[in-house]
Amino acid sequence: MSYSIIADIIVIIHFLWIVFLIIGAFFRNIHGYIKFLHITGLAYALFIQVFDLYCPLTSLENWLRSLASADLKYEDSFIVHYIEKLIYIEISRRIILVFTFFMVFFNFFLYWKDIKSKKLKLY
């Protein structure tokens, strides 16, 4: 399998991870593992935004693209081209940080409602 195809798969996984972080609290009643993964993912997303770090998926994708640069025939695939525009949107770091805080607090609010009604169990 070509490095560029693996990099494309990583981009799709990255996109799905971001979607999960945004709307994951809506799936909080399915299983405790999903809640745990979502809460720790939100904490990690907040951590990397506050300390201006790169997501490991971004680093992995960049590394795979650098390995594939010799055999790339196209810039990228059709689907990945548009997904990358959503993931790596050209906005300031400050706006991304504000959005991250909003996302974390919105999800925290959903979890807080469960804590108050004693529905939240992390198992």
PDB file of N, CA and C in Angstrom:
ATOM      1  N   MET A   1       0.848  -1.181   0.000  1.00  0.00           N
ATOM      2  CA  MET A   1       0.000   0.000   0.000  1.00  0.00           C
ATOM      3  C   MET A   1       0.892   1.242   0.000  1.00  0.00           C
ATOM      4  N   SER A   2       0.531   2.173  -0.797  1.00  0.00           N
ATOM      5  CA  SER A   2       1.299   3.394  -0.953  1.00  0.00           C
ATOM      6  C   SER A   2       1.162   4.281   0.290  1.00  0.00           C
ATOM      7  N   TYR A   3       2.240   5.009   0.572  1.00  0.00           N
ATOM      8  CA  TYR A   3       2.206   5.940   1.709  1.00  0.00           C
ATOM      9  C   TYR A   3       1.143   7.009   1.530  1.00  0.00           C
ATOM     10  N   SER A   4       0.904   7.418   0.291  1.00  0.00           N
ATOM     11  CA  SER A   4      -0.112   8.453   0.071  1.00  0.00           C
ATOM     12  C   SER A   4      -1.512   7.930   0.381  1.00  0.00           C
ATOM     13  N   ILE A   5      -1.766   6.664   0.107  1.00  0.00           N
ATOM     14  CA  ILE A   5      -3.071   6.086   0.434  1.00  0.00           C
ATOM     15  C   ILE A   5      -3.226   5.991   1.945  1.00  0.00           C
ATOM     16  N   ILE A   6      -2.183   5.589   2.634  1.00  0.00           N
ATOM     17  CA  ILE A   6      -2.228   5.520   4.096  1.00  0.00           C
ATOM     18  C   ILE A   6      -2.435   6.924   4.672  1.00  0.00           C
ATOM     19  N   ALA A   7      -1.764   7.920   4.095  1.00  0.00           N
ATOM     20  CA  ALA A   7      -1.946   9.299   4.547  1.00  0.00           C
ATOM     21  C   ALA A   7      -3.389   9.748   4.320  1.00  0.00           C
ATOM     22  N   ASP A   8      -3.989   9.360   3.192  1.00  0.00           N
ATOM     23  CA  ASP A   8      -5.390   9.683   2.933  1.00  0.00           C
ATOM     24  C   ASP A   8      -6.304   9.041   3.981  1.00  0.00           C
ATOM     25  N   ILE A   9      -6.006   7.805   4.356  1.00  0.00           N
ATOM     26  CA  ILE A   9      -6.791   7.119   5.383  1.00  0.00           C
ATOM     27  C   ILE A   9      -6.651   7.848   6.718  1.00  0.00           C
ATOM     28  N   ILE A  10      -5.443   8.310   7.028  1.00  0.00           N
ATOM     29  CA  ILE A  10      -5.217   9.060   8.269  1.00  0.00           C
ATOM     30  C   ILE A  10      -6.025  10.354   8.263  1.00  0.00           C
ATOM     31  N   VAL A  11      -6.122  11.022   7.122  1.00  0.00           N
ATOM     32  CA  VAL A  11      -6.915  12.251   7.023  1.00  0.00           C
ATOM     33  C   VAL A  11      -8.384  11.958   7.313  1.00  0.00           C
ATOM     34  N   ILE A  12      -8.888  10.869   6.765  1.00  0.00           N
ATOM     35  CA  ILE A  12     -10.290  10.502   7.005  1.00  0.00           C
ATOM     36  C   ILE A  12     -10.504  10.168   8.480  1.00  0.00           C
ATOM     37  N   ILE A  13      -9.565   9.427   9.086  1.00  0.00           N
ATOM     38  CA  ILE A  13      -9.652   9.117  10.514  1.00  0.00           C
ATOM     39  C   ILE A  13      -9.596  10.403  11.330  1.00  0.00           C
ATOM     40  N   HIS A  14      -8.743  11.328  10.941  1.00  0.00           N
ATOM     41  CA  HIS A  14      -8.618  12.610  11.636  1.00  0.00           C
ATOM     42  C   HIS A  14      -9.939  13.379  11.570  1.00  0.00           C
ATOM     43  N   PHE A  15     -10.543  13.403  10.404  1.00  0.00           N
ATOM     44  CA  PHE A  15     -11.828  14.075  10.235  1.00  0.00           C
ATOM     45  C   PHE A  15     -12.897  13.441  11.126  1.00  0.00           C
ATOM     46  N   LEU A  16     -12.966  12.113  11.134  1.00  0.00           N
ATOM     47  CA  LEU A  16     -13.945  11.419  11.967  1.00  0.00           C
ATOM     48  C   LEU A  16     -13.692  11.665  13.450  1.00  0.00           C
ATOM     49  N   TRP A  17     -12.416  11.762  13.850  1.00  0.00           N
ATOM     50  CA  TRP A  17     -12.072  12.053  15.242  1.00  0.00           C
ATOM     51  C   TRP A  17     -12.578  13.445  15.637  1.00  0.00           C
ATOM     52  N   ILE A  18     -12.392  14.424  14.760  1.00  0.00           N
ATOM     53  CA  ILE A  18     -12.856  15.783  15.038  1.00  0.00           C
ATOM     54  C   ILE A  18     -14.376  15.810  15.160  1.00  0.00           C
ATOM     55  N   VAL A  19     -15.063  15.121  14.264  1.00  0.00           N
ATOM     56  CA  VAL A  19     -16.523  15.043  14.338  1.00  0.00           C
ATOM     57  C   VAL A  19     -16.946  14.384  15.651  1.00  0.00           C
ATOM     58  N   PHE A  20     -16.246  13.316  16.049  1.00  0.00           N
ATOM     59  CA  PHE A  20     -16.554  12.645  17.315  1.00  0.00           C
ATOM     60  C   PHE A  20     -16.367  13.590  18.494  1.00  0.00           C
ATOM     61  N   LEU A  21     -15.314  14.396  18.477  1.00  0.00           N
ATOM     62  CA  LEU A  21     -15.100  15.333  19.577  1.00  0.00           C
ATOM     63  C   LEU A  21     -16.193  16.395  19.632  1.00  0.00           C
ATOM     64  N   ILE A  22     -16.694  16.802  18.490  1.00  0.00           N
ATOM     65  CA  ILE A  22     -17.725  17.834  18.459  1.00  0.00           C
ATOM     66  C   ILE A  22     -19.072  17.294  18.937  1.00  0.00           C
ATOM     67  N   ILE A  23     -19.457  16.110  18.480  1.00  0.00           N
ATOM     68  CA  ILE A  23     -20.804  15.610  18.780  1.00  0.00           C
ATOM     69  C   ILE A  23     -20.805  14.362  19.653  1.00  0.00           C
ATOM     70  N   GLY A  24     -19.678  13.981  20.192  1.00  0.00           N
ATOM     71  CA  GLY A  24     -19.587  12.737  20.962  1.00  0.00           C
ATOM     72  C   GLY A  24     -20.445  12.680  22.203  1.00  0.00           C
ATOM     73  N   ALA A  25     -20.731  13.807  22.814  1.00  0.00           N
ATOM     74  CA  ALA A  25     -21.550  13.805  24.028  1.00  0.00           C
ATOM     75  C   ALA A  25     -22.979  13.346  23.744  1.00  0.00           C
ATOM     76  N   PHE A  26     -23.419  13.462  22.514  1.00  0.00           N
ATOM     77  CA  PHE A  26     -24.757  12.983  22.179  1.00  0.00           C
ATOM     78  C   PHE A  26     -24.837  11.460  22.221  1.00  0.00           C
ATOM     79  N   PHE A  27     -23.675  10.793  22.194  1.00  0.00           N
ATOM     80  CA  PHE A  27     -23.625   9.330  22.254  1.00  0.00           C
ATOM     81  C   PHE A  27     -23.182   8.838  23.625  1.00  0.00           C
ATOM     82  N   ARG A  28     -23.295   9.677  24.633  1.00  0.00           N
ATOM     83  CA  ARG A  28     -22.786   9.373  25.966  1.00  0.00           C
ATOM     84  C   ARG A  28     -23.536   8.245  26.654  1.00  0.00           C
ATOM     85  N   ASN A  29     -24.745   7.955  26.240  1.00  0.00           N
ATOM     86  CA  ASN A  29     -25.532   6.915  26.894  1.00  0.00           C
ATOM     87  C   ASN A  29     -25.352   5.537  26.278  1.00  0.00           C
ATOM     88  N   ILE A  30     -24.535   5.429  25.249  1.00  0.00           N
ATOM     89  CA  ILE A  30     -24.352   4.140  24.587  1.00  0.00           C
ATOM     90  C   ILE A  30     -23.496   3.210  25.436  1.00  0.00           C
ATOM     91  N   HIS A  31     -22.320   3.664  25.814  1.00  0.00           N
ATOM     92  CA  HIS A  31     -21.417   2.825  26.603  1.00  0.00           C
ATOM     93  C   HIS A  31     -20.420   3.707  27.340  1.00  0.00           C
ATOM     94  N   GLY A  32     -19.968   3.240  28.486  1.00  0.00           N
ATOM     95  CA  GLY A  32     -19.023   3.996  29.300  1.00  0.00           C
ATOM     96  C   GLY A  32     -17.702   4.244  28.614  1.00  0.00           C
ATOM     97  N   TYR A  33     -17.272   3.307  27.760  1.00  0.00           N
ATOM     98  CA  TYR A  33     -16.001   3.489  27.056  1.00  0.00           C
ATOM     99  C   TYR A  33     -16.055   4.669  26.099  1.00  0.00           C
ATOM    100  N   ILE A  34     -17.219   4.872  25.491  1.00  0.00           N
ATOM    101  CA  ILE A  34     -17.372   6.013  24.587  1.00  0.00           C
ATOM    102  C   ILE A  34     -17.276   7.313  25.374  1.00  0.00           C
ATOM    103  N   LYS A  35     -17.916   7.351  26.547  1.00  0.00           N
ATOM    104  CA  LYS A  35     -17.829   8.549  27.391  1.00  0.00           C
ATOM    105  C   LYS A  35     -16.391   8.814  27.808  1.00  0.00           C
ATOM    106  N   PHE A  36     -15.708   7.765  28.233  1.00  0.00           N
ATOM    107  CA  PHE A  36     -14.319   7.922  28.673  1.00  0.00           C
ATOM    108  C   PHE A  36     -13.445   8.408  27.523  1.00  0.00           C
ATOM    109  N   LEU A  37     -13.589   7.796  26.342  1.00  0.00           N
ATOM    110  CA  LEU A  37     -12.808   8.208  25.175  1.00  0.00           C
ATOM    111  C   LEU A  37     -13.125   9.647  24.792  1.00  0.00           C
ATOM    112  N   HIS A  38     -14.385  10.018  24.859  1.00  0.00           N
ATOM    113  CA  HIS A  38     -14.785  11.370  24.478  1.00  0.00           C
ATOM    114  C   HIS A  38     -14.247  12.405  25.461  1.00  0.00           C
ATOM    115  N   ILE A  39     -14.388  12.146  26.746  1.00  0.00           N
ATOM    116  CA  ILE A  39     -13.928  13.109  27.750  1.00  0.00           C
ATOM    117  C   ILE A  39     -12.414  13.266  27.696  1.00  0.00           C
ATOM    118  N   THR A  40     -11.689  12.157  27.580  1.00  0.00           N
ATOM    119  CA  THR A  40     -10.221  12.268  27.495  1.00  0.00           C
ATOM    120  C   THR A  40      -9.802  12.910  26.180  1.00  0.00           C
ATOM    121  N   GLY A  41     -10.528  12.647  25.101  1.00  0.00           N
ATOM    122  CA  GLY A  41     -10.239  13.295  23.821  1.00  0.00           C
ATOM    123  C   GLY A  41     -10.446  14.796  23.880  1.00  0.00           C
ATOM    124  N   LEU A  42     -11.516  15.217  24.545  1.00  0.00           N
ATOM    125  CA  LEU A  42     -11.758  16.657  24.719  1.00  0.00           C
ATOM    126  C   LEU A  42     -10.647  17.298  25.552  1.00  0.00           C
ATOM    127  N   ALA A  43     -10.253  16.611  26.615  1.00  0.00           N
ATOM    128  CA  ALA A  43      -9.183  17.147  27.468  1.00  0.00           C
ATOM    129  C   ALA A  43      -7.886  17.271  26.674  1.00  0.00           C
ATOM    130  N   TYR A  44      -7.584  16.261  25.856  1.00  0.00           N
ATOM    131  CA  TYR A  44      -6.355  16.305  25.057  1.00  0.00           C
ATOM    132  C   TYR A  44      -6.437  17.394  23.991  1.00  0.00           C
ATOM    133  N   ALA A  45      -7.609  17.550  23.358  1.00  0.00           N
ATOM    134  CA  ALA A  45      -7.773  18.605  22.349  1.00  0.00           C
ATOM    135  C   ALA A  45      -7.577  19.983  22.978  1.00  0.00           C
ATOM    136  N   LEU A  46      -8.115  20.171  24.157  1.00  0.00           N
ATOM    137  CA  LEU A  46      -7.930  21.438  24.858  1.00  0.00           C
ATOM    138  C   LEU A  46      -6.457  21.646  25.216  1.00  0.00           C
ATOM    139  N   PHE A  47      -5.804  20.587  25.668  1.00  0.00           N
ATOM    140  CA  PHE A  47      -4.385  20.652  26.026  1.00  0.00           C
ATOM    141  C   PHE A  47      -3.526  21.070  24.833  1.00  0.00           C
ATOM    142  N   ILE A  48      -3.734  20.419  23.677  1.00  0.00           N
ATOM    143  CA  ILE A  48      -2.878  20.744  22.529  1.00  0.00           C
ATOM    144  C   ILE A  48      -3.174  22.132  21.974  1.00  0.00           C
ATOM    145  N   GLN A  49      -4.411  22.628  22.158  1.00  0.00           N
ATOM    146  CA  GLN A  49      -4.714  23.978  21.698  1.00  0.00           C
ATOM    147  C   GLN A  49      -4.127  25.028  22.633  1.00  0.00           C
ATOM    148  N   VAL A  50      -4.233  24.800  23.935  1.00  0.00           N
ATOM    149  CA  VAL A  50      -3.718  25.772  24.898  1.00  0.00           C
ATOM    150  C   VAL A  50      -2.199  25.890  24.788  1.00  0.00           C
ATOM    151  N   PHE A  51      -1.513  24.758  24.596  1.00  0.00           N
ATOM    152  CA  PHE A  51      -0.054  24.770  24.534  1.00  0.00           C
ATOM    153  C   PHE A  51       0.482  24.832  23.107  1.00  0.00           C
ATOM    154  N   ASP A  52      -0.404  25.098  22.127  1.00  0.00           N
ATOM    155  CA  ASP A  52      -0.032  25.289  20.723  1.00  0.00           C
ATOM    156  C   ASP A  52       0.797  24.122  20.184  1.00  0.00           C
ATOM    157  N   LEU A  53       0.291  22.913  20.385  1.00  0.00           N
ATOM    158  CA  LEU A  53       0.945  21.703  19.900  1.00  0.00           C
ATOM    159  C   LEU A  53       0.195  21.184  18.676  1.00  0.00           C
ATOM    160  N   TYR A  54       0.826  20.271  17.961  1.00  0.00           N
ATOM    161  CA  TYR A  54       0.183  19.641  16.820  1.00  0.00           C
ATOM    162  C   TYR A  54      -0.442  18.324  17.235  1.00  0.00           C
ATOM    163  N   CYS A  55      -1.564  18.005  16.619  1.00  0.00           N
ATOM    164  CA  CYS A  55      -2.203  16.714  16.843  1.00  0.00           C
ATOM    165  C   CYS A  55      -1.287  15.630  16.273  1.00  0.00           C
ATOM    166  N   PRO A  56      -1.146  14.511  16.970  1.00  0.00           N
ATOM    167  CA  PRO A  56      -0.304  13.422  16.446  1.00  0.00           C
ATOM    168  C   PRO A  56      -0.774  12.911  15.087  1.00  0.00           C
ATOM    169  N   LEU A  57      -2.069  12.996  14.815  1.00  0.00           N
ATOM    170  CA  LEU A  57      -2.550  12.562  13.502  1.00  0.00           C
ATOM    171  C   LEU A  57      -2.040  13.485  12.397  1.00  0.00           C
ATOM    172  N   THR A  58      -1.917  14.767  12.690  1.00  0.00           N
ATOM    173  CA  THR A  58      -1.351  15.705  11.720  1.00  0.00           C
ATOM    174  C   THR A  58       0.107  15.379  11.464  1.00  0.00           C
ATOM    175  N   SER A  59       0.845  15.114  12.524  1.00  0.00           N
ATOM    176  CA  SER A  59       2.265  14.765  12.369  1.00  0.00           C
ATOM    177  C   SER A  59       2.426  13.466  11.591  1.00  0.00           C
ATOM    178  N   LEU A  60       1.584  12.482  11.891  1.00  0.00           N
ATOM    179  CA  LEU A  60       1.650  11.208  11.175  1.00  0.00           C
ATOM    180  C   LEU A  60       1.333  11.403   9.700  1.00  0.00           C
ATOM    181  N   GLU A  61       0.317  12.183   9.404  1.00  0.00           N
ATOM    182  CA  GLU A  61      -0.030  12.431   8.011  1.00  0.00           C
ATOM    183  C   GLU A  61       1.100  13.147   7.273  1.00  0.00           C
ATOM    184  N   ASN A  62       1.677  14.162   7.894  1.00  0.00           N
ATOM    185  CA  ASN A  62       2.784  14.882   7.263  1.00  0.00           C
ATOM    186  C   ASN A  62       3.976  13.972   7.019  1.00  0.00           C
ATOM    187  N   TRP A  63       4.270  13.098   7.971  1.00  0.00           N
ATOM    188  CA  TRP A  63       5.380  12.157   7.810  1.00  0.00           C
ATOM    189  C   TRP A  63       5.114  11.193   6.657  1.00  0.00           C
ATOM    190  N   LEU A  64       3.894  10.670   6.580  1.00  0.00           N
ATOM    191  CA  LEU A  64       3.545   9.757   5.492  1.00  0.00           C
ATOM    192  C   LEU A  64       3.584  10.465   4.141  1.00  0.00           C
ATOM    193  N   ARG A  65       3.134  11.709   4.101  1.00  0.00           N
ATOM    194  CA  ARG A  65       3.192  12.468   2.843  1.00  0.00           C
ATOM    195  C   ARG A  65       4.641  12.727   2.427  1.00  0.00           C
ATOM    196  N   SER A  66       5.519  12.948   3.399  1.00  0.00           N
ATOM    197  CA  SER A  66       6.926  13.164   3.054  1.00  0.00           C
ATOM    198  C   SER A  66       7.553  11.886   2.510  1.00  0.00           C
ATOM    199  N   LEU A  67       7.124  10.734   3.024  1.00  0.00           N
ATOM    200  CA  LEU A  67       7.620   9.467   2.486  1.00  0.00           C
ATOM    201  C   LEU A  67       7.077   9.194   1.090  1.00  0.00           C
ATOM    202  N   ALA A  68       5.888   9.662   0.815  1.00  0.00           N
ATOM    203  CA  ALA A  68       5.237   9.401  -0.465  1.00  0.00           C
ATOM    204  C   ALA A  68       5.567  10.435  -1.526  1.00  0.00           C
ATOM    205  N   SER A  69       6.289  11.475  -1.187  1.00  0.00           N
ATOM    206  CA  SER A  69       6.492  12.571  -2.131  1.00  0.00           C
ATOM    207  C   SER A  69       7.142  12.126  -3.430  1.00  0.00           C
ATOM    208  N   ALA A  70       7.942  11.083  -3.377  1.00  0.00           N
ATOM    209  CA  ALA A  70       8.615  10.618  -4.590  1.00  0.00           C
ATOM    210  C   ALA A  70       7.657   9.934  -5.559  1.00  0.00           C
ATOM    211  N   ASP A  71       6.633   9.281  -5.042  1.00  0.00           N
ATOM    212  CA  ASP A  71       5.734   8.535  -5.928  1.00  0.00           C
ATOM    213  C   ASP A  71       4.339   9.132  -6.050  1.00  0.00           C
ATOM    214  N   LEU A  72       4.168  10.380  -5.646  1.00  0.00           N
ATOM    215  CA  LEU A  72       2.858  11.017  -5.789  1.00  0.00           C
ATOM    216  C   LEU A  72       2.611  11.397  -7.244  1.00  0.00           C
ATOM    217  N   LYS A  73       1.505  10.940  -7.779  1.00  0.00           N
ATOM    218  CA  LYS A  73       1.147  11.303  -9.142  1.00  0.00           C
ATOM    219  C   LYS A  73       0.138  12.448  -9.163  1.00  0.00           C
ATOM    220  N   TYR A  74      -0.660  12.531  -8.101  1.00  0.00           N
ATOM    221  CA  TYR A  74      -1.638  13.592  -7.959  1.00  0.00           C
ATOM    222  C   TYR A  74      -1.344  14.310  -6.656  1.00  0.00           C
ATOM    223  N   GLU A  75      -1.869  15.525  -6.534  1.00  0.00           N
ATOM    224  CA  GLU A  75      -1.714  16.260  -5.271  1.00  0.00           C
ATOM    225  C   GLU A  75      -2.308  15.455  -4.130  1.00  0.00           C
ATOM    226  N   ASP A  76      -3.558  15.046  -4.281  1.00  0.00           N
ATOM    227  CA  ASP A  76      -4.240  14.234  -3.291  1.00  0.00           C
ATOM    228  C   ASP A  76      -5.495  13.668  -3.931  1.00  0.00           C
ATOM    229  N   SER A  77      -6.192  12.809  -3.208  1.00  0.00           N
ATOM    230  CA  SER A  77      -7.406  12.235  -3.766  1.00  0.00           C
ATOM    231  C   SER A  77      -8.547  13.251  -3.692  1.00  0.00           C
ATOM    232  N   PHE A  78      -9.586  12.975  -4.424  1.00  0.00           N
ATOM    233  CA  PHE A  78     -10.725  13.874  -4.513  1.00  0.00           C
ATOM    234  C   PHE A  78     -11.359  14.113  -3.146  1.00  0.00           C
ATOM    235  N   ILE A  79     -11.677  13.039  -2.422  1.00  0.00           N
ATOM    236  CA  ILE A  79     -12.351  13.152  -1.124  1.00  0.00           C
ATOM    237  C   ILE A  79     -11.436  13.813  -0.106  1.00  0.00           C
ATOM    238  N   VAL A  80     -10.199  13.369  -0.045  1.00  0.00           N
ATOM    239  CA  VAL A  80      -9.262  13.901   0.942  1.00  0.00           C
ATOM    240  C   VAL A  80      -9.000  15.376   0.700  1.00  0.00           C
ATOM    241  N   HIS A  81      -9.002  15.792  -0.544  1.00  0.00           N
ATOM    242  CA  HIS A  81      -8.806  17.207  -0.866  1.00  0.00           C
ATOM    243  C   HIS A  81      -9.823  18.073  -0.121  1.00  0.00           C
ATOM    244  N   TYR A  82     -11.088  17.656  -0.106  1.00  0.00           N
ATOM    245  CA  TYR A  82     -12.125  18.441   0.555  1.00  0.00           C
ATOM    246  C   TYR A  82     -12.139  18.248   2.064  1.00  0.00           C
ATOM    247  N   ILE A  83     -11.827  17.051   2.531  1.00  0.00           N
ATOM    248  CA  ILE A  83     -11.756  16.820   3.975  1.00  0.00           C
ATOM    249  C   ILE A  83     -10.612  17.631   4.575  1.00  0.00           C
ATOM    250  N   GLU A  84      -9.476  17.676   3.882  1.00  0.00           N
ATOM    251  CA  GLU A  84      -8.344  18.461   4.386  1.00  0.00           C
ATOM    252  C   GLU A  84      -8.702  19.948   4.480  1.00  0.00           C
ATOM    253  N   LYS A  85      -9.511  20.431   3.569  1.00  0.00           N
ATOM    254  CA  LYS A  85      -9.927  21.838   3.644  1.00  0.00           C
ATOM    255  C   LYS A  85     -10.763  22.086   4.894  1.00  0.00           C
ATOM    256  N   LEU A  86     -11.500  21.089   5.350  1.00  0.00           N
ATOM    257  CA  LEU A  86     -12.274  21.225   6.587  1.00  0.00           C
ATOM    258  C   LEU A  86     -11.393  21.101   7.826  1.00  0.00           C
ATOM    259  N   ILE A  87     -10.437  20.174   7.786  1.00  0.00           N
ATOM    260  CA  ILE A  87      -9.580  19.942   8.953  1.00  0.00           C
ATOM    261  C   ILE A  87      -8.578  21.071   9.120  1.00  0.00           C
ATOM    262  N   TYR A  88      -7.915  21.442   8.050  1.00  0.00           N
ATOM    263  CA  TYR A  88      -6.857  22.452   8.116  1.00  0.00           C
ATOM    264  C   TYR A  88      -7.353  23.788   7.575  1.00  0.00           C
ATOM    265  N   ILE A  89      -8.477  24.227   8.098  1.00  0.00           N
ATOM    266  CA  ILE A  89      -9.093  25.467   7.652  1.00  0.00           C
ATOM    267  C   ILE A  89      -8.167  26.643   7.986  1.00  0.00           C
ATOM    268  N   GLU A  90      -8.132  27.616   7.112  1.00  0.00           N
ATOM    269  CA  GLU A  90      -7.237  28.762   7.268  1.00  0.00           C
ATOM    270  C   GLU A  90      -7.880  29.845   8.125  1.00  0.00           C
ATOM    271  N   ILE A  91      -7.833  29.646   9.440  1.00  0.00           N
ATOM    272  CA  ILE A  91      -8.294  30.666  10.371  1.00  0.00           C
ATOM    273  C   ILE A  91      -7.234  30.820  11.452  1.00  0.00           C
ATOM    274  N   SER A  92      -7.339  31.880  12.194  1.00  0.00           N
ATOM    275  CA  SER A  92      -6.296  32.157  13.177  1.00  0.00           C
ATOM    276  C   SER A  92      -6.334  31.155  14.325  1.00  0.00           C
ATOM    277  N   ARG A  93      -5.194  31.019  14.976  1.00  0.00           N
ATOM    278  CA  ARG A  93      -5.075  30.114  16.110  1.00  0.00           C
ATOM    279  C   ARG A  93      -6.015  30.534  17.232  1.00  0.00           C
ATOM    280  N   ARG A  94      -6.205  31.820  17.413  1.00  0.00           N
ATOM    281  CA  ARG A  94      -7.074  32.336  18.473  1.00  0.00           C
ATOM    282  C   ARG A  94      -8.526  31.895  18.253  1.00  0.00           C
ATOM    283  N   ILE A  95      -8.996  31.932  17.022  1.00  0.00           N
ATOM    284  CA  ILE A  95     -10.366  31.500  16.726  1.00  0.00           C
ATOM    285  C   ILE A  95     -10.506  30.001  16.968  1.00  0.00           C
ATOM    286  N   ILE A  96      -9.508  29.232  16.587  1.00  0.00           N
ATOM    287  CA  ILE A  96      -9.535  27.793  16.844  1.00  0.00           C
ATOM    288  C   ILE A  96      -9.553  27.519  18.338  1.00  0.00           C
ATOM    289  N   LEU A  97      -8.780  28.278  19.101  1.00  0.00           N
ATOM    290  CA  LEU A  97      -8.757  28.115  20.551  1.00  0.00           C
ATOM    291  C   LEU A  97     -10.123  28.443  21.153  1.00  0.00           C
ATOM    292  N   VAL A  98     -10.749  29.511  20.700  1.00  0.00           N
ATOM    293  CA  VAL A  98     -12.077  29.876  21.190  1.00  0.00           C
ATOM    294  C   VAL A  98     -13.079  28.779  20.839  1.00  0.00           C
ATOM    295  N   PHE A  99     -13.021  28.277  19.614  1.00  0.00           N
ATOM    296  CA  PHE A  99     -13.920  27.198  19.215  1.00  0.00           C
ATOM    297  C   PHE A  99     -13.686  25.957  20.078  1.00  0.00           C
ATOM    298  N   THR A 100     -12.429  25.638  20.369  1.00  0.00           N
ATOM    299  CA  THR A 100     -12.118  24.476  21.209  1.00  0.00           C
ATOM    300  C   THR A 100     -12.715  24.649  22.596  1.00  0.00           C
ATOM    301  N   PHE A 101     -12.564  25.835  23.191  1.00  0.00           N
ATOM    302  CA  PHE A 101     -13.166  26.089  24.500  1.00  0.00           C
ATOM    303  C   PHE A 101     -14.689  25.957  24.427  1.00  0.00           C
ATOM    304  N   PHE A 102     -15.289  26.505  23.387  1.00  0.00           N
ATOM    305  CA  PHE A 102     -16.732  26.392  23.223  1.00  0.00           C
ATOM    306  C   PHE A 102     -17.153  24.935  23.117  1.00  0.00           C
ATOM    307  N   MET A 103     -16.437  24.155  22.310  1.00  0.00           N
ATOM    308  CA  MET A 103     -16.744  22.742  22.123  1.00  0.00           C
ATOM    309  C   MET A 103     -16.639  21.986  23.448  1.00  0.00           C
ATOM    310  N   VAL A 104     -15.581  22.243  24.212  1.00  0.00           N
ATOM    311  CA  VAL A 104     -15.384  21.558  25.489  1.00  0.00           C
ATOM    312  C   VAL A 104     -16.490  21.940  26.469  1.00  0.00           C
ATOM    313  N   PHE A 105     -16.805  23.213  26.567  1.00  0.00           N
ATOM    314  CA  PHE A 105     -17.829  23.634  27.524  1.00  0.00           C
ATOM    315  C   PHE A 105     -19.227  23.188  27.112  1.00  0.00           C
ATOM    316  N   PHE A 106     -19.503  23.160  25.824  1.00  0.00           N
ATOM    317  CA  PHE A 106     -20.796  22.661  25.360  1.00  0.00           C
ATOM    318  C   PHE A 106     -20.950  21.186  25.732  1.00  0.00           C
ATOM    319  N   ASN A 107     -19.916  20.394  25.466  1.00  0.00           N
ATOM    320  CA  ASN A 107     -19.963  18.975  25.817  1.00  0.00           C
ATOM    321  C   ASN A 107     -19.986  18.790  27.332  1.00  0.00           C
ATOM    322  N   PHE A 108     -19.231  19.624  28.053  1.00  0.00           N
ATOM    323  CA  PHE A 108     -19.249  19.555  29.506  1.00  0.00           C
ATOM    324  C   PHE A 108     -20.658  19.830  30.036  1.00  0.00           C
ATOM    325  N   PHE A 109     -21.347  20.788  29.423  1.00  0.00           N
ATOM    326  CA  PHE A 109     -22.728  21.090  29.820  1.00  0.00           C
ATOM    327  C   PHE A 109     -23.619  19.862  29.661  1.00  0.00           C
ATOM    328  N   LEU A 110     -23.472  19.151  28.549  1.00  0.00           N
ATOM    329  CA  LEU A 110     -24.269  17.943  28.337  1.00  0.00           C
ATOM    330  C   LEU A 110     -23.954  16.882  29.385  1.00  0.00           C
ATOM    331  N   TYR A 111     -22.666  16.729  29.701  1.00  0.00           N
ATOM    332  CA  TYR A 111     -22.286  15.767  30.732  1.00  0.00           C
ATOM    333  C   TYR A 111     -22.751  16.247  32.108  1.00  0.00           C
ATOM    334  N   TRP A 112     -22.710  17.547  32.351  1.00  0.00           N
ATOM    335  CA  TRP A 112     -23.114  18.095  33.644  1.00  0.00           C
ATOM    336  C   TRP A 112     -24.596  17.812  33.919  1.00  0.00           C
ATOM    337  N   LYS A 113     -25.422  17.875  32.885  1.00  0.00           N
ATOM    338  CA  LYS A 113     -26.829  17.540  33.045  1.00  0.00           C
ATOM    339  C   LYS A 113     -26.978  16.100  33.525  1.00  0.00           C
ATOM    340  N   ASP A 114     -26.160  15.197  33.013  1.00  0.00           N
ATOM    341  CA  ASP A 114     -26.211  13.801  33.450  1.00  0.00           C
ATOM    342  C   ASP A 114     -25.681  13.636  34.870  1.00  0.00           C
ATOM    343  N   ILE A 115     -24.672  14.412  35.224  1.00  0.00           N
ATOM    344  CA  ILE A 115     -24.122  14.332  36.579  1.00  0.00           C
ATOM    345  C   ILE A 115     -25.177  14.787  37.588  1.00  0.00           C
ATOM    346  N   LYS A 116     -25.864  15.879  37.268  1.00  0.00           N
ATOM    347  CA  LYS A 116     -26.892  16.401  38.175  1.00  0.00           C
ATOM    348  C   LYS A 116     -28.064  15.429  38.318  1.00  0.00           C
ATOM    349  N   SER A 117     -28.414  14.746  37.244  1.00  0.00           N
ATOM    350  CA  SER A 117     -29.530  13.798  37.313  1.00  0.00           C
ATOM    351  C   SER A 117     -29.053  12.400  37.687  1.00  0.00           C
ATOM    352  N   LYS A 118     -27.760  12.252  37.979  1.00  0.00           N
ATOM    353  CA  LYS A 118     -27.139  10.989  38.408  1.00  0.00           C
ATOM    354  C   LYS A 118     -27.263   9.894  37.360  1.00  0.00           C
ATOM    355  N   LYS A 119     -27.214  10.288  36.078  1.00  0.00           N
ATOM    356  CA  LYS A 119     -27.230   9.324  34.984  1.00  0.00           C
ATOM    357  C   LYS A 119     -25.830   8.998  34.479  1.00  0.00           C
ATOM    358  N   LEU A 120     -24.853   9.822  34.804  1.00  0.00           N
ATOM    359  CA  LEU A 120     -23.505   9.641  34.253  1.00  0.00           C
ATOM    360  C   LEU A 120     -22.761   8.567  35.023  1.00  0.00           C
ATOM    361  N   LYS A 121     -22.370   7.538  34.294  1.00  0.00           N
ATOM    362  CA  LYS A 121     -21.532   6.474  34.861  1.00  0.00           C
ATOM    363  C   LYS A 121     -20.429   6.220  33.844  1.00  0.00           C
ATOM    364  N   LEU A 122     -19.193   6.211  34.291  1.00  0.00           N
ATOM    365  CA  LEU A 122     -18.061   6.004  33.385  1.00  0.00           C
ATOM    366  C   LEU A 122     -17.596   4.551  33.398  1.00  0.00           C
ATOM    367  N   TYR A 123     -18.506   3.634  33.311  1.00  0.00           N
ATOM    368  CA  TYR A 123     -18.139   2.209  33.222  1.00  0.00           C
ATOM    369  C   TYR A 123     -19.041   1.496  32.276  1.00  0.00           C
TER     370      TYR A 123
END
